[in-house]
C-alpha atoms as a PDB file:
ATOM      1  CA  MET A   1       8.303  36.540  -7.722  1.00  0.00           C
ATOM      2  CA  ALA A   2       6.760  33.490  -6.100  1.00  0.00           C
ATOM      3  CA  GLU A   3       8.408  30.103  -6.268  1.00  0.00           C
ATOM      4  CA  GLN A   4       7.204  27.867  -9.060  1.00  0.00           C
ATOM      5  CA  PHE A   5       5.428  24.696  -8.009  1.00  0.00           C
ATOM      6  CA  THR A   6       4.895  21.857 -10.450  1.00  0.00           C
ATOM      7  CA  ALA A   7       3.930  18.232 -10.056  1.00  0.00           C
ATOM      8  CA  ASP A   8       3.114  15.425 -12.430  1.00  0.00           C
ATOM      9  CA  THR A   9      -0.237  14.245 -11.123  1.00  0.00           C
ATOM     10  CA  VAL A  10      -0.498  11.625 -13.846  1.00  0.00           C
ATOM     11  CA  ALA A  11       2.741  10.026 -12.613  1.00  0.00           C
ATOM     12  CA  ILE A  12       1.557  10.208  -9.000  1.00  0.00           C
ATOM     13  CA  ARG A  13      -1.723   8.509  -9.877  1.00  0.00           C
ATOM     14  CA  GLU A  14       0.154   5.893 -11.920  1.00  0.00           C
ATOM     15  CA  ALA A  15       2.363   5.189  -8.908  1.00  0.00           C
ATOM     16  CA  ALA A  16      -0.786   4.723  -6.804  1.00  0.00           C
ATOM     17  CA  ARG A  17      -2.154   2.298  -9.410  1.00  0.00           C
ATOM     18  CA  ILE A  18       1.088   0.306  -9.366  1.00  0.00           C
ATOM     19  CA  GLN A  19       1.022   0.255  -5.559  1.00  0.00           C
ATOM     20  CA  GLY A  20      -2.495  -1.184  -5.813  1.00  0.00           C
ATOM     21  CA  GLN A  21      -1.183  -3.947  -8.053  1.00  0.00           C
ATOM     22  CA  LEU A  22       1.581  -4.619  -5.531  1.00  0.00           C
ATOM     23  CA  THR A  23      -1.092  -4.928  -2.852  1.00  0.00           C
ATOM     24  CA  ASP A  24      -2.878  -7.572  -4.890  1.00  0.00           C
ATOM     25  CA  LEU A  25       0.380  -9.414  -5.523  1.00  0.00           C
ATOM     26  CA  ALA A  26       1.408  -9.264  -1.852  1.00  0.00           C
ATOM     27  CA  GLY A  27      -2.015 -10.554  -0.831  1.00  0.00           C
ATOM     28  CA  THR A  28      -1.732 -13.471  -3.230  1.00  0.00           C
ATOM     29  CA  CYS A  29       1.779 -14.278  -2.001  1.00  0.00           C
ATOM     30  CA  VAL A  30       0.737 -14.207   1.651  1.00  0.00           C
ATOM     31  CA  ARG A  31      -2.339 -16.380   1.028  1.00  0.00           C
ATOM     32  CA  GLU A  32      -0.270 -18.899  -0.957  1.00  0.00           C
ATOM     33  CA  PHE A  33       2.418 -18.970   1.720  1.00  0.00           C
ATOM     34  CA  VAL A  34      -0.102 -19.486   4.525  1.00  0.00           C
ATOM     35  CA  SER A  35      -1.799 -22.223   2.519  1.00  0.00           C
ATOM     36  CA  ALA A  36       1.508 -23.985   1.799  1.00  0.00           C
ATOM     37  CA  ALA A  37       2.629 -23.638   5.421  1.00  0.00           C
ATOM     38  CA  ALA A  38      -0.681 -25.094   6.627  1.00  0.00           C
ATOM     39  CA  ARG A  39       0.093 -28.302   4.753  1.00  0.00           C
ATOM     40  CA  THR A  40       3.147 -28.787   6.968  1.00  0.00           C
ATOM     41  CA  ALA A  41       1.450 -27.884  10.250  1.00  0.00           C
ATOM     42  CA  GLY A  42       1.730 -31.365  11.728  1.00  0.00           C
ATOM     43  CA  TRP A  43       5.423 -31.903  11.034  1.00  0.00           C
ATOM     44  CA  VAL A  44       6.389 -31.674  14.716  1.00  0.00           C
ATOM     45  CA  GLY A  45       4.142 -34.564  15.633  1.00  0.00           C
ATOM     46  CA  GLN A  46       1.220 -34.772  18.043  1.00  0.00           C
ATOM     47  CA  ASP A  47       2.062 -36.179  21.450  1.00  0.00           C
ATOM     48  CA  ASP A  48       5.745 -36.972  21.727  1.00  0.00           C
ATOM     49  CA  SER A  49       8.516 -34.913  23.305  1.00  0.00           C
ATOM     50  CA  MET A  50       9.365 -33.215  20.000  1.00  0.00           C
ATOM     51  CA  ALA A  51       5.750 -32.123  19.558  1.00  0.00           C
ATOM     52  CA  ARG A  52       5.596 -30.768  23.091  1.00  0.00           C
ATOM     53  CA  GLU A  53       8.877 -28.905  22.674  1.00  0.00           C
ATOM     54  CA  LEU A  54       8.536 -27.543  19.140  1.00  0.00           C
ATOM     55  CA  GLY A  55       4.763 -27.362  18.695  1.00  0.00           C
ATOM     56  CA  PRO A  56       4.211 -24.100  20.605  1.00  0.00           C
ATOM     57  CA  ARG A  57       7.185 -22.437  18.885  1.00  0.00           C
ATOM     58  CA  ASP A  58       5.995 -23.606  15.467  1.00  0.00           C
ATOM     59  CA  GLU A  59       2.497 -22.277  16.177  1.00  0.00           C
ATOM     60  CA  LYS A  60       3.898 -18.922  17.345  1.00  0.00           C
ATOM     61  CA  GLU A  61       6.101 -18.568  14.271  1.00  0.00           C
ATOM     62  CA  ARG A  62       3.252 -19.434  11.918  1.00  0.00           C
ATOM     63  CA  HIS A  63       1.010 -16.873  13.600  1.00  0.00           C
ATOM     64  CA  GLY A  64       3.790 -14.258  13.475  1.00  0.00           C
ATOM     65  CA  THR A  65       4.332 -14.887   9.785  1.00  0.00           C
ATOM     66  CA  GLU A  66       0.634 -14.414   9.051  1.00  0.00           C
ATOM     67  CA  GLU A  67       0.582 -11.181  11.066  1.00  0.00           C
ATOM     68  CA  THR A  68       3.683  -9.903   9.260  1.00  0.00           C
ATOM     69  CA  GLY A  69       2.114 -10.647   5.884  1.00  0.00           C
ATOM     70  CA  ALA A  70      -1.106  -8.881   6.882  1.00  0.00           C
ATOM     71  CA  SER A  71       0.887  -5.872   8.132  1.00  0.00           C
ATOM     72  CA  LEU A  72       2.835  -5.752   4.885  1.00  0.00           C
ATOM     73  CA  MET A  73      -0.366  -5.763   2.851  1.00  0.00           C
ATOM     74  CA  GLU A  74      -1.855  -3.031   5.062  1.00  0.00           C
ATOM     75  CA  ALA A  75       1.267  -0.878   4.644  1.00  0.00           C
ATOM     76  CA  ILE A  76       1.163  -1.216   0.861  1.00  0.00           C
ATOM     77  CA  ILE A  77      -2.570  -0.404   0.821  1.00  0.00           C
ATOM     78  CA  ASN A  78      -1.960   2.687   2.945  1.00  0.00           C
ATOM     79  CA  MET A  79       0.899   3.829   0.714  1.00  0.00           C
ATOM     80  CA  ALA A  80      -1.279   3.476  -2.371  1.00  0.00           C
ATOM     81  CA  GLY A  81      -4.059   5.413  -0.663  1.00  0.00           C
ATOM     82  CA  ALA A  82      -1.669   8.174   0.385  1.00  0.00           C
ATOM     83  CA  LEU A  83      -0.298   8.470  -3.143  1.00  0.00           C
ATOM     84  CA  ASP A  84      -3.812   8.698  -4.541  1.00  0.00           C
ATOM     85  CA  VAL A  85      -4.843  11.354  -2.003  1.00  0.00           C
ATOM     86  CA  ASN A  86      -1.626  13.279  -2.656  1.00  0.00           C
ATOM     87  CA  GLY A  87      -2.306  13.210  -6.385  1.00  0.00           C
ATOM     88  CA  GLY A  88      -5.821  14.515  -5.788  1.00  0.00           C
ATOM     89  CA  VAL A  89      -4.649  17.322  -3.517  1.00  0.00           C
ATOM     90  CA  ILE A  90      -2.019  18.423  -6.019  1.00  0.00           C
ATOM     91  CA  GLN A  91      -4.480  18.206  -8.914  1.00  0.00           C
ATOM     92  CA  ASN A  92      -7.017  20.294  -6.977  1.00  0.00           C
ATOM     93  CA  ALA A  93      -4.341  22.908  -6.185  1.00  0.00           C
ATOM     94  CA  GLN A  94      -3.353  23.073  -9.847  1.00  0.00           C
ATOM     95  CA  ASP A  95      -6.982  23.321 -10.939  1.00  0.00           C
ATOM     96  CA  ASP A  96      -7.671  26.087  -8.388  1.00  0.00           C
ATOM     97  CA  ALA A  97      -4.582  28.021  -9.519  1.00  0.00           C
ATOM     98  CA  ASN A  98      -5.550  27.720 -13.177  1.00  0.00           C
ATOM     99  CA  GLU A  99      -9.085  28.820 -12.379  1.00  0.00           C
ATOM    100  CA  ALA A 100      -7.800  31.848 -10.455  1.00  0.00           C
ATOM    101  CA  ILE A 101      -5.497  32.764 -13.341  1.00  0.00           C
ATOM    102  CA  ASP A 102      -8.343  32.434 -15.850  1.00  0.00           C
ATOM    103  CA  ASP A 103     -10.660  34.443 -13.586  1.00  0.00           C
ATOM    104  CA  HIS A 104      -8.042  37.180 -13.228  1.00  0.00           C
ATOM    105  CA  ALA A 105      -7.465  37.185 -16.985  1.00  0.00           C
ATOM    106  CA  SER A 106     -11.172  37.525 -17.727  1.00  0.00           C
ATOM    107  CA  LYS A 107     -11.425  40.521 -15.352  1.00  0.00           C
ATOM    108  CA  THR A 108      -8.238  42.303 -16.413  1.00  0.00           C
ATOM    109  CA  GLY A 109      -7.747  41.097 -19.957  1.00  0.00           C
ATOM    110  CA  ARG A 110      -4.270  39.739 -19.196  1.00  0.00           C
ATOM    111  CA  HIS A 111      -2.601  36.824 -17.470  1.00  0.00           C
END
């Protein structure tokens, strides 16, 4: 007898929906962080030795933080998409199996 395969496609789709909400939340957090950090952009000064020493490092770290936030959002988006696709593939497999069973039953009179 063949192995039994079951999956809860509703739960998979719900997980994808929740991942989508996490994407929205992560996007909001990153935008708020970038906005708040921008308000402190001039803290190192403009033309003194501290500005010359720390300015480039501060700029690099700010840019890196923005890139990390964007990468995080992209990863969450991709996970949500993968969950949604996975749910669709499983649902299609279940639908095809049920259709084949029903087709067989209609031809033979038994399941």
